[in-house]
């Protein structure tokens, strides 16, 4: 049986260098939805930034939206 994981596409609207782009992350938190604010590592220095979830996808490892060995994890879901 293939376990499904939660992946989220995040846009960092507060960073002018990457605004308009989305980045895929593995999300270990239950109940995250589109529009949620999250704290996630960005760039090669993994600087934590606040971003907005634009898409939520549940898939097994074989159908991950980004190679699983390179994907980063959401650090925190910011309460509304």
PDB file of N, CA and C in Angstrom:
ATOM      1  N   UNK A   1       0.841  -1.183   0.000  1.00  0.00           N
ATOM      2  CA  UNK A   1       0.000   0.000   0.000  1.00  0.00           C
ATOM      3  C   UNK A   1       0.885   1.246   0.000  1.00  0.00           C
ATOM      4  N   UNK A   2       0.573   2.171  -0.879  1.00  0.00           N
ATOM      5  CA  UNK A   2       1.350   3.394  -0.991  1.00  0.00           C
ATOM      6  C   UNK A   2       0.771   4.468  -0.088  1.00  0.00           C
ATOM      7  N   UNK A   3       1.605   4.927   0.829  1.00  0.00           N
ATOM      8  CA  UNK A   3       1.179   5.979   1.750  1.00  0.00           C
ATOM      9  C   UNK A   3       1.131   7.310   1.009  1.00  0.00           C
ATOM     10  N   UNK A   4       0.076   8.092   1.257  1.00  0.00           N
ATOM     11  CA  UNK A   4      -0.049   9.414   0.638  1.00  0.00           C
ATOM     12  C   UNK A   4       0.453  10.477   1.598  1.00  0.00           C
ATOM     13  N   UNK A   5       1.150  11.444   1.037  1.00  0.00           N
ATOM     14  CA  UNK A   5       1.698  12.557   1.796  1.00  0.00           C
ATOM     15  C   UNK A   5       1.032  13.846   1.327  1.00  0.00           C
ATOM     16  N   UNK A   6       1.091  14.860   2.184  1.00  0.00           N
ATOM     17  CA  UNK A   6       0.529  16.161   1.848  1.00  0.00           C
ATOM     18  C   UNK A   6       1.645  17.067   1.329  1.00  0.00           C
ATOM     19  N   UNK A   7       1.462  17.547   0.111  1.00  0.00           N
ATOM     20  CA  UNK A   7       2.390  18.491  -0.496  1.00  0.00           C
ATOM     21  C   UNK A   7       1.659  19.813  -0.683  1.00  0.00           C
ATOM     22  N   UNK A   8       2.376  20.922  -0.489  1.00  0.00           N
ATOM     23  CA  UNK A   8       1.768  22.227  -0.686  1.00  0.00           C
ATOM     24  C   UNK A   8       2.666  23.080  -1.579  1.00  0.00           C
ATOM     25  N   UNK A   9       2.039  23.838  -2.464  1.00  0.00           N
ATOM     26  CA  UNK A   9       2.753  24.813  -3.286  1.00  0.00           C
ATOM     27  C   UNK A   9       2.621  26.154  -2.574  1.00  0.00           C
ATOM     28  N   UNK A  10       3.756  26.789  -2.301  1.00  0.00           N
ATOM     29  CA  UNK A  10       3.780  28.015  -1.506  1.00  0.00           C
ATOM     30  C   UNK A  10       4.335  29.165  -2.350  1.00  0.00           C
ATOM     31  N   UNK A  11       3.672  30.323  -2.233  1.00  0.00           N
ATOM     32  CA  UNK A  11       4.155  31.549  -2.866  1.00  0.00           C
ATOM     33  C   UNK A  11       4.599  32.506  -1.764  1.00  0.00           C
ATOM     34  N   UNK A  12       5.762  33.109  -1.960  1.00  0.00           N
ATOM     35  CA  UNK A  12       6.314  34.051  -0.982  1.00  0.00           C
ATOM     36  C   UNK A  12       6.091  35.469  -1.504  1.00  0.00           C
ATOM     37  N   UNK A  13       4.907  36.013  -1.238  1.00  0.00           N
ATOM     38  CA  UNK A  13       4.529  37.315  -1.793  1.00  0.00           C
ATOM     39  C   UNK A  13       5.309  38.467  -1.184  1.00  0.00           C
ATOM     40  N   UNK A  14       5.913  38.264  -0.035  1.00  0.00           N
ATOM     41  CA  UNK A  14       6.677  39.318   0.617  1.00  0.00           C
ATOM     42  C   UNK A  14       8.120  39.422   0.144  1.00  0.00           C
ATOM     43  N   UNK A  15       8.559  38.539  -0.732  1.00  0.00           N
ATOM     44  CA  UNK A  15       9.939  38.532  -1.210  1.00  0.00           C
ATOM     45  C   UNK A  15       9.944  38.900  -2.691  1.00  0.00           C
ATOM     46  N   UNK A  16      10.405  40.101  -3.017  1.00  0.00           N
ATOM     47  CA  UNK A  16      10.353  40.570  -4.403  1.00  0.00           C
ATOM     48  C   UNK A  16      11.191  39.727  -5.363  1.00  0.00           C
ATOM     49  N   UNK A  17      12.141  38.962  -4.829  1.00  0.00           N
ATOM     50  CA  UNK A  17      12.984  38.117  -5.679  1.00  0.00           C
ATOM     51  C   UNK A  17      12.271  36.882  -6.202  1.00  0.00           C
ATOM     52  N   UNK A  18      11.228  36.429  -5.509  1.00  0.00           N
ATOM     53  CA  UNK A  18      10.559  35.182  -5.900  1.00  0.00           C
ATOM     54  C   UNK A  18       9.035  35.325  -6.022  1.00  0.00           C
ATOM     55  N   UNK A  19       8.503  36.537  -5.878  1.00  0.00           N
ATOM     56  CA  UNK A  19       7.060  36.721  -5.975  1.00  0.00           C
ATOM     57  C   UNK A  19       6.579  36.261  -7.354  1.00  0.00           C
ATOM     58  N   UNK A  20       5.454  35.573  -7.367  1.00  0.00           N
ATOM     59  CA  UNK A  20       4.912  35.037  -8.612  1.00  0.00           C
ATOM     60  C   UNK A  20       5.304  33.598  -8.882  1.00  0.00           C
ATOM     61  N   UNK A  21       6.257  33.076  -8.137  1.00  0.00           N
ATOM     62  CA  UNK A  21       6.680  31.682  -8.267  1.00  0.00           C
ATOM     63  C   UNK A  21       6.102  30.878  -7.108  1.00  0.00           C
ATOM     64  N   UNK A  22       5.854  29.600  -7.350  1.00  0.00           N
ATOM     65  CA  UNK A  22       5.446  28.715  -6.254  1.00  0.00           C
ATOM     66  C   UNK A  22       6.507  27.638  -6.078  1.00  0.00           C
ATOM     67  N   UNK A  23       6.654  27.201  -4.841  1.00  0.00           N
ATOM     68  CA  UNK A  23       7.646  26.189  -4.473  1.00  0.00           C
ATOM     69  C   UNK A  23       6.936  25.078  -3.714  1.00  0.00           C
ATOM     70  N   UNK A  24       7.242  23.836  -4.071  1.00  0.00           N
ATOM     71  CA  UNK A  24       6.603  22.685  -3.427  1.00  0.00           C
ATOM     72  C   UNK A  24       7.315  22.297  -2.141  1.00  0.00           C
ATOM     73  N   UNK A  25       6.504  21.970  -1.136  1.00  0.00           N
ATOM     74  CA  UNK A  25       6.995  21.533   0.170  1.00  0.00           C
ATOM     75  C   UNK A  25       6.186  20.335   0.636  1.00  0.00           C
ATOM     76  N   UNK A  26       6.795  19.533   1.465  1.00  0.00           N
ATOM     77  CA  UNK A  26       6.094  18.470   2.168  1.00  0.00           C
ATOM     78  C   UNK A  26       5.508  19.093   3.429  1.00  0.00           C
ATOM     79  N   UNK A  27       4.240  18.834   3.694  1.00  0.00           N
ATOM     80  CA  UNK A  27       3.583  19.459   4.844  1.00  0.00           C
ATOM     81  C   UNK A  27       3.185  18.386   5.861  1.00  0.00           C
ATOM     82  N   UNK A  28       3.842  18.356   7.020  1.00  0.00           N
ATOM     83  CA  UNK A  28       3.531  17.346   8.034  1.00  0.00           C
ATOM     84  C   UNK A  28       2.344  17.709   8.924  1.00  0.00           C
ATOM     85  N   UNK A  29       1.679  18.830   8.655  1.00  0.00           N
ATOM     86  CA  UNK A  29       0.580  19.293   9.504  1.00  0.00           C
ATOM     87  C   UNK A  29      -0.775  18.959   8.886  1.00  0.00           C
ATOM     88  N   UNK A  30      -1.709  18.534   9.716  1.00  0.00           N
ATOM     89  CA  UNK A  30      -3.054  18.204   9.251  1.00  0.00           C
ATOM     90  C   UNK A  30      -3.889  19.452   9.009  1.00  0.00           C
ATOM     91  N   UNK A  31      -4.767  19.369   8.046  1.00  0.00           N
ATOM     92  CA  UNK A  31      -5.760  20.407   7.846  1.00  0.00           C
ATOM     93  C   UNK A  31      -5.286  21.674   7.179  1.00  0.00           C
ATOM     94  N   UNK A  32      -4.100  21.682   6.594  1.00  0.00           N
ATOM     95  CA  UNK A  32      -3.647  22.894   5.910  1.00  0.00           C
ATOM     96  C   UNK A  32      -4.471  23.060   4.628  1.00  0.00           C
ATOM     97  N   UNK A  33      -4.830  24.309   4.316  1.00  0.00           N
ATOM     98  CA  UNK A  33      -5.691  24.582   3.165  1.00  0.00           C
ATOM     99  C   UNK A  33      -5.116  25.718   2.336  1.00  0.00           C
ATOM    100  N   UNK A  34      -5.611  25.854   1.129  1.00  0.00           N
ATOM    101  CA  UNK A  34      -5.203  26.964   0.279  1.00  0.00           C
ATOM    102  C   UNK A  34      -5.505  28.276   0.991  1.00  0.00           C
ATOM    103  N   UNK A  35      -4.575  29.206   0.903  1.00  0.00           N
ATOM    104  CA  UNK A  35      -4.724  30.497   1.565  1.00  0.00           C
ATOM    105  C   UNK A  35      -4.081  30.565   2.935  1.00  0.00           C
ATOM    106  N   UNK A  36      -3.697  29.414   3.489  1.00  0.00           N
ATOM    107  CA  UNK A  36      -3.060  29.387   4.812  1.00  0.00           C
ATOM    108  C   UNK A  36      -1.678  30.023   4.739  1.00  0.00           C
ATOM    109  N   UNK A  37      -1.273  30.643   5.829  1.00  0.00           N
ATOM    110  CA  UNK A  37       0.070  31.209   5.951  1.00  0.00           C
ATOM    111  C   UNK A  37       0.959  30.168   6.634  1.00  0.00           C
ATOM    112  N   UNK A  38       2.159  29.974   6.088  1.00  0.00           N
ATOM    113  CA  UNK A  38       3.090  28.989   6.627  1.00  0.00           C
ATOM    114  C   UNK A  38       4.485  29.590   6.734  1.00  0.00           C
ATOM    115  N   UNK A  39       5.286  28.979   7.573  1.00  0.00           N
ATOM    116  CA  UNK A  39       6.695  29.329   7.704  1.00  0.00           C
ATOM    117  C   UNK A  39       7.485  28.200   7.048  1.00  0.00           C
ATOM    118  N   UNK A  40       8.342  28.563   6.071  1.00  0.00           N
ATOM    119  CA  UNK A  40       9.063  27.545   5.314  1.00  0.00           C
ATOM    120  C   UNK A  40      10.467  28.021   4.974  1.00  0.00           C
ATOM    121  N   UNK A  41      11.410  27.081   4.838  1.00  0.00           N
ATOM    122  CA  UNK A  41      12.766  27.445   4.443  1.00  0.00           C
ATOM    123  C   UNK A  41      12.806  27.755   2.944  1.00  0.00           C
ATOM    124  N   UNK A  42      13.548  28.800   2.577  1.00  0.00           N
ATOM    125  CA  UNK A  42      13.617  29.202   1.176  1.00  0.00           C
ATOM    126  C   UNK A  42      15.063  29.431   0.773  1.00  0.00           C
ATOM    127  N   UNK A  43      15.407  28.977  -0.411  1.00  0.00           N
ATOM    128  CA  UNK A  43      16.738  29.201  -0.961  1.00  0.00           C
ATOM    129  C   UNK A  43      17.780  28.241  -0.435  1.00  0.00           C
ATOM    130  N   UNK A  44      18.983  28.398  -0.924  1.00  0.00           N
ATOM    131  CA  UNK A  44      20.022  27.449  -0.509  1.00  0.00           C
ATOM    132  C   UNK A  44      20.486  27.652   0.917  1.00  0.00           C
ATOM    133  N   UNK A  45      20.179  28.804   1.507  1.00  0.00           N
ATOM    134  CA  UNK A  45      20.531  29.035   2.905  1.00  0.00           C
ATOM    135  C   UNK A  45      19.379  28.684   3.848  1.00  0.00           C
ATOM    136  N   UNK A  46      18.259  28.252   3.294  1.00  0.00           N
ATOM    137  CA  UNK A  46      17.085  27.827   4.068  1.00  0.00           C
ATOM    138  C   UNK A  46      16.596  28.890   5.045  1.00  0.00           C
ATOM    139  N   UNK A  47      16.629  30.126   4.619  1.00  0.00           N
ATOM    140  CA  UNK A  47      16.124  31.218   5.453  1.00  0.00           C
ATOM    141  C   UNK A  47      14.610  31.073   5.583  1.00  0.00           C
ATOM    142  N   UNK A  48      14.124  31.049   6.810  1.00  0.00           N
ATOM    143  CA  UNK A  48      12.688  30.880   7.032  1.00  0.00           C
ATOM    144  C   UNK A  48      11.937  32.136   6.646  1.00  0.00           C
ATOM    145  N   UNK A  49      10.883  31.951   5.841  1.00  0.00           N
ATOM    146  CA  UNK A  49      10.059  33.061   5.397  1.00  0.00           C
ATOM    147  C   UNK A  49       8.593  32.657   5.474  1.00  0.00           C
ATOM    148  N   UNK A  50       7.748  33.654   5.567  1.00  0.00           N
ATOM    149  CA  UNK A  50       6.309  33.421   5.576  1.00  0.00           C
ATOM    150  C   UNK A  50       5.809  33.401   4.147  1.00  0.00           C
ATOM    151  N   UNK A  51       5.015  32.385   3.844  1.00  0.00           N
ATOM    152  CA  UNK A  51       4.440  32.254   2.510  1.00  0.00           C
ATOM    153  C   UNK A  51       2.974  31.881   2.583  1.00  0.00           C
ATOM    154  N   UNK A  52       2.330  31.905   1.433  1.00  0.00           N
ATOM    155  CA  UNK A  52       0.913  31.578   1.323  1.00  0.00           C
ATOM    156  C   UNK A  52       0.744  30.291   0.531  1.00  0.00           C
ATOM    157  N   UNK A  53      -0.032  29.354   1.070  1.00  0.00           N
ATOM    158  CA  UNK A  53      -0.303  28.098   0.372  1.00  0.00           C
ATOM    159  C   UNK A  53      -1.227  28.390  -0.805  1.00  0.00           C
ATOM    160  N   UNK A  54      -0.797  28.007  -2.005  1.00  0.00           N
ATOM    161  CA  UNK A  54      -1.590  28.216  -3.213  1.00  0.00           C
ATOM    162  C   UNK A  54      -2.256  26.939  -3.717  1.00  0.00           C
ATOM    163  N   UNK A  55      -1.696  25.786  -3.332  1.00  0.00           N
ATOM    164  CA  UNK A  55      -2.267  24.506  -3.778  1.00  0.00           C
ATOM    165  C   UNK A  55      -1.905  23.421  -2.774  1.00  0.00           C
ATOM    166  N   UNK A  56      -2.825  22.494  -2.565  1.00  0.00           N
ATOM    167  CA  UNK A  56      -2.611  21.348  -1.690  1.00  0.00           C
ATOM    168  C   UNK A  56      -2.797  20.090  -2.538  1.00  0.00           C
ATOM    169  N   UNK A  57      -1.868  19.147  -2.414  1.00  0.00           N
ATOM    170  CA  UNK A  57      -1.902  17.917  -3.193  1.00  0.00           C
ATOM    171  C   UNK A  57      -1.577  16.742  -2.285  1.00  0.00           C
ATOM    172  N   UNK A  58      -2.388  15.687  -2.366  1.00  0.00           N
ATOM    173  CA  UNK A  58      -2.113  14.449  -1.647  1.00  0.00           C
ATOM    174  C   UNK A  58      -1.675  13.419  -2.667  1.00  0.00           C
ATOM    175  N   UNK A  59      -0.457  12.886  -2.489  1.00  0.00           N
ATOM    176  CA  UNK A  59       0.082  11.927  -3.450  1.00  0.00           C
ATOM    177  C   UNK A  59       1.079  11.010  -2.758  1.00  0.00           C
ATOM    178  N   UNK A  60       1.289   9.833  -3.368  1.00  0.00           N
ATOM    179  CA  UNK A  60       2.321   8.942  -2.851  1.00  0.00           C
ATOM    180  C   UNK A  60       3.675   9.419  -3.380  1.00  0.00           C
ATOM    181  N   UNK A  61       4.720   8.786  -2.897  1.00  0.00           N
ATOM    182  CA  UNK A  61       6.073   9.209  -3.240  1.00  0.00           C
ATOM    183  C   UNK A  61       6.338   9.156  -4.745  1.00  0.00           C
ATOM    184  N   UNK A  62       5.771   8.172  -5.424  1.00  0.00           N
ATOM    185  CA  UNK A  62       5.983   8.022  -6.864  1.00  0.00           C
ATOM    186  C   UNK A  62       5.352   9.155  -7.666  1.00  0.00           C
ATOM    187  N   UNK A  63       4.356   9.797  -7.111  1.00  0.00           N
ATOM    188  CA  UNK A  63       3.650  10.873  -7.823  1.00  0.00           C
ATOM    189  C   UNK A  63       3.858  12.237  -7.171  1.00  0.00           C
ATOM    190  N   UNK A  64       4.930  12.381  -6.432  1.00  0.00           N
ATOM    191  CA  UNK A  64       5.243  13.652  -5.775  1.00  0.00           C
ATOM    192  C   UNK A  64       5.478  14.727  -6.839  1.00  0.00           C
ATOM    193  N   UNK A  65       5.107  15.975  -6.563  1.00  0.00           N
ATOM    194  CA  UNK A  65       5.272  17.038  -7.548  1.00  0.00           C
ATOM    195  C   UNK A  65       6.713  17.503  -7.722  1.00  0.00           C
ATOM    196  N   UNK A  66       7.593  17.026  -6.847  1.00  0.00           N
ATOM    197  CA  UNK A  66       9.009  17.406  -6.861  1.00  0.00           C
ATOM    198  C   UNK A  66       9.778  16.206  -6.322  1.00  0.00           C
ATOM    199  N   UNK A  67      10.990  15.937  -6.795  1.00  0.00           N
ATOM    200  CA  UNK A  67      11.723  14.764  -6.312  1.00  0.00           C
ATOM    201  C   UNK A  67      11.799  14.726  -4.776  1.00  0.00           C
ATOM    202  N   UNK A  68      11.342  13.656  -4.188  1.00  0.00           N
ATOM    203  CA  UNK A  68      11.184  13.531  -2.734  1.00  0.00           C
ATOM    204  C   UNK A  68      12.507  13.716  -1.988  1.00  0.00           C
ATOM    205  N   UNK A  69      13.625  13.337  -2.588  1.00  0.00           N
ATOM    206  CA  UNK A  69      14.901  13.462  -1.894  1.00  0.00           C
ATOM    207  C   UNK A  69      15.364  14.915  -1.776  1.00  0.00           C
ATOM    208  N   UNK A  70      14.749  15.822  -2.525  1.00  0.00           N
ATOM    209  CA  UNK A  70      15.140  17.232  -2.497  1.00  0.00           C
ATOM    210  C   UNK A  70      14.095  18.153  -1.868  1.00  0.00           C
ATOM    211  N   UNK A  71      12.932  17.642  -1.595  1.00  0.00           N
ATOM    212  CA  UNK A  71      11.843  18.503  -1.129  1.00  0.00           C
ATOM    213  C   UNK A  71      12.056  18.911   0.330  1.00  0.00           C
ATOM    214  N   UNK A  72      11.733  20.158   0.624  1.00  0.00           N
ATOM    215  CA  UNK A  72      11.864  20.681   1.985  1.00  0.00           C
ATOM    216  C   UNK A  72      10.514  20.570   2.688  1.00  0.00           C
ATOM    217  N   UNK A  73      10.519  20.791   3.992  1.00  0.00           N
ATOM    218  CA  UNK A  73       9.306  20.665   4.801  1.00  0.00           C
ATOM    219  C   UNK A  73       8.851  22.004   5.350  1.00  0.00           C
ATOM    220  N   UNK A  74       7.539  22.144   5.438  1.00  0.00           N
ATOM    221  CA  UNK A  74       6.941  23.297   6.102  1.00  0.00           C
ATOM    222  C   UNK A  74       7.343  23.218   7.569  1.00  0.00           C
ATOM    223  N   UNK A  75       7.745  24.337   8.146  1.00  0.00           N
ATOM    224  CA  UNK A  75       8.169  24.353   9.546  1.00  0.00           C
ATOM    225  C   UNK A  75       7.018  24.629  10.497  1.00  0.00           C
ATOM    226  N   UNK A  76       6.037  25.448  10.032  1.00  0.00           N
ATOM    227  CA  UNK A  76       4.950  25.848  10.937  1.00  0.00           C
ATOM    228  C   UNK A  76       3.793  26.387  10.112  1.00  0.00           C
ATOM    229  N   UNK A  77       2.571  26.111  10.562  1.00  0.00           N
ATOM    230  CA  UNK A  77       1.388  26.743   9.999  1.00  0.00           C
ATOM    231  C   UNK A  77       1.048  27.896  10.942  1.00  0.00           C
ATOM    232  N   UNK A  78       0.926  29.084  10.401  1.00  0.00           N
ATOM    233  CA  UNK A  78       0.672  30.275  11.200  1.00  0.00           C
ATOM    234  C   UNK A  78      -0.836  30.419  11.410  1.00  0.00           C
ATOM    235  N   UNK A  79      -1.289  30.445  12.673  1.00  0.00           N
ATOM    236  CA  UNK A  79      -2.730  30.558  12.924  1.00  0.00           C
ATOM    237  C   UNK A  79      -3.291  31.870  12.390  1.00  0.00           C
ATOM    238  N   UNK A  80      -4.538  31.810  11.964  1.00  0.00           N
ATOM    239  CA  UNK A  80      -5.206  33.012  11.436  1.00  0.00           C
ATOM    240  C   UNK A  80      -5.522  33.992  12.533  1.00  0.00           C
TER     241      UNK A  80
END
